[in-house]
C-alpha atoms as a PDB file:
ATOM      1  CA  MET A   1      35.837 -32.750  10.311  1.00  0.00           C
ATOM      2  CA  ASN A   2      32.705 -30.699  10.842  1.00  0.00           C
ATOM      3  CA  ASN A   3      32.217 -27.661   8.578  1.00  0.00           C
ATOM      4  CA  PHE A   4      29.784 -26.120  11.043  1.00  0.00           C
ATOM      5  CA  ARG A   5      32.369 -25.922  13.807  1.00  0.00           C
ATOM      6  CA  GLU A   6      35.029 -24.650  11.458  1.00  0.00           C
ATOM      7  CA  GLY A   7      32.699 -21.929  10.185  1.00  0.00           C
ATOM      8  CA  ARG A   8      33.128 -22.581   6.482  1.00  0.00           C
ATOM      9  CA  ASN A   9      30.349 -21.010   4.413  1.00  0.00           C
ATOM     10  CA  GLN A  10      27.784 -21.623   7.101  1.00  0.00           C
ATOM     11  CA  GLY A  11      26.937 -18.123   8.336  1.00  0.00           C
ATOM     12  CA  GLN A  12      24.191 -15.852   7.126  1.00  0.00           C
ATOM     13  CA  GLY A  13      26.398 -12.780   7.006  1.00  0.00           C
ATOM     14  CA  SER A  14      25.734  -9.330   8.349  1.00  0.00           C
ATOM     15  CA  GLY A  15      25.331  -7.330   5.149  1.00  0.00           C
ATOM     16  CA  ARG A  16      22.378  -5.080   4.393  1.00  0.00           C
ATOM     17  CA  GLY A  17      21.011  -7.063   1.463  1.00  0.00           C
ATOM     18  CA  SER A  18      21.068  -6.422  -2.260  1.00  0.00           C
ATOM     19  CA  GLY A  19      19.442  -3.002  -2.143  1.00  0.00           C
ATOM     20  CA  ARG A  20      15.937  -4.183  -2.985  1.00  0.00           C
ATOM     21  CA  GLY A  21      12.887  -3.213  -0.996  1.00  0.00           C
ATOM     22  CA  GLY A  22      12.855  -0.826   1.903  1.00  0.00           C
ATOM     23  CA  GLY A  23      10.725   1.645  -0.025  1.00  0.00           C
ATOM     24  CA  ARG A  24       7.908   3.612   1.520  1.00  0.00           C
ATOM     25  CA  GLY A  25       5.161   2.280  -0.743  1.00  0.00           C
ATOM     26  CA  ARG A  26       2.295   4.222  -2.213  1.00  0.00           C
ATOM     27  CA  ASN A  27       2.163   7.950  -1.510  1.00  0.00           C
ATOM     28  CA  ASN A  28       5.696   7.763  -0.068  1.00  0.00           C
ATOM     29  CA  GLY A  29       4.347   5.940   2.979  1.00  0.00           C
ATOM     30  CA  GLY A  30       2.093   8.802   4.012  1.00  0.00           C
ATOM     31  CA  ALA A  31      -1.631   8.773   4.460  1.00  0.00           C
ATOM     32  CA  PHE A  32      -3.958  10.956   2.443  1.00  0.00           C
ATOM     33  CA  GLY A  33      -5.462  12.436   5.574  1.00  0.00           C
ATOM     34  CA  PRO A  34      -8.955  12.430   7.036  1.00  0.00           C
ATOM     35  CA  GLY A  35     -10.616  14.581   4.363  1.00  0.00           C
ATOM     36  CA  GLY A  36     -10.975  14.038   0.660  1.00  0.00           C
ATOM     37  CA  LEU A  37     -13.317  12.072  -1.541  1.00  0.00           C
ATOM     38  CA  CYS A  38     -13.978   8.502  -2.551  1.00  0.00           C
ATOM     39  CA  VAL A  39     -14.694   8.237  -6.286  1.00  0.00           C
ATOM     40  CA  CYS A  40     -16.261   5.618  -8.507  1.00  0.00           C
ATOM     41  CA  ALA A  41     -13.903   4.896 -11.406  1.00  0.00           C
ATOM     42  CA  LYS A  42     -16.843   3.631 -13.475  1.00  0.00           C
ATOM     43  CA  CYS A  43     -19.462   6.404 -13.238  1.00  0.00           C
ATOM     44  CA  GLY A  44     -17.572   9.245 -11.509  1.00  0.00           C
ATOM     45  CA  GLU A  45     -19.854   9.501  -8.444  1.00  0.00           C
ATOM     46  CA  LYS A  46     -18.087  11.149  -5.500  1.00  0.00           C
ATOM     47  CA  VAL A  47     -18.788  10.633  -1.805  1.00  0.00           C
ATOM     48  CA  PRO A  48     -16.975  12.192   1.176  1.00  0.00           C
ATOM     49  CA  HIS A  49     -14.240  10.041   2.694  1.00  0.00           C
ATOM     50  CA  GLN A  50     -14.956   8.828   6.224  1.00  0.00           C
ATOM     51  CA  GLN A  51     -11.979   8.735   8.586  1.00  0.00           C
ATOM     52  CA  GLY A  52     -11.036   5.163   9.475  1.00  0.00           C
ATOM     53  CA  VAL A  53     -12.955   3.639   6.534  1.00  0.00           C
ATOM     54  CA  LYS A  54     -11.058   2.695   3.384  1.00  0.00           C
ATOM     55  CA  CYS A  55     -12.679   3.868   0.177  1.00  0.00           C
ATOM     56  CA  THR A  56     -12.212   0.394  -1.288  1.00  0.00           C
ATOM     57  CA  ALA A  57     -14.506  -0.969   1.446  1.00  0.00           C
ATOM     58  CA  LEU A  58     -17.362   1.169   0.081  1.00  0.00           C
ATOM     59  CA  LYS A  59     -19.635   0.636  -2.926  1.00  0.00           C
ATOM     60  CA  CYS A  60     -20.861   3.340  -5.280  1.00  0.00           C
ATOM     61  CA  PRO A  61     -24.388   4.437  -4.370  1.00  0.00           C
ATOM     62  CA  LYS A  62     -25.293   4.751  -8.081  1.00  0.00           C
ATOM     63  CA  CYS A  63     -23.761   1.731  -9.815  1.00  0.00           C
ATOM     64  CA  GLY A  64     -22.405  -0.519  -7.034  1.00  0.00           C
ATOM     65  CA  ASN A  65     -18.786  -0.423  -8.233  1.00  0.00           C
ATOM     66  CA  THR A  66     -15.970  -0.313  -5.643  1.00  0.00           C
ATOM     67  CA  LEU A  67     -14.840   3.208  -4.752  1.00  0.00           C
ATOM     68  CA  VAL A  68     -11.217   4.405  -4.712  1.00  0.00           C
ATOM     69  CA  ARG A  69      -9.516   7.395  -3.142  1.00  0.00           C
ATOM     70  CA  GLU A  70      -9.626  10.438  -5.429  1.00  0.00           C
ATOM     71  CA  GLU A  71      -5.865  10.993  -5.147  1.00  0.00           C
ATOM     72  CA  LEU A  72      -5.199   7.547  -6.611  1.00  0.00           C
ATOM     73  CA  LEU A  73      -7.303   8.244  -9.707  1.00  0.00           C
ATOM     74  CA  ASN A  74      -5.438  11.455 -10.531  1.00  0.00           C
ATOM     75  CA  LYS A  75      -2.044   9.750 -10.858  1.00  0.00           C
END
């Protein structure tokens, strides 16, 4: 008597889950675009955003703190 062959409670099912996840993340999954500013949350220094370079990869030229995208500070 093998439960696997009989198919009792062995399958994974084909449902769509419990409804968790599947969201689009920050900014509804969209990018902020090539323009904009990177801002220091500590001293307020602003530098132009460079396309292809994350603001968080940059350091503030005044105080050395990590920069963030301006749109994220205004939320």
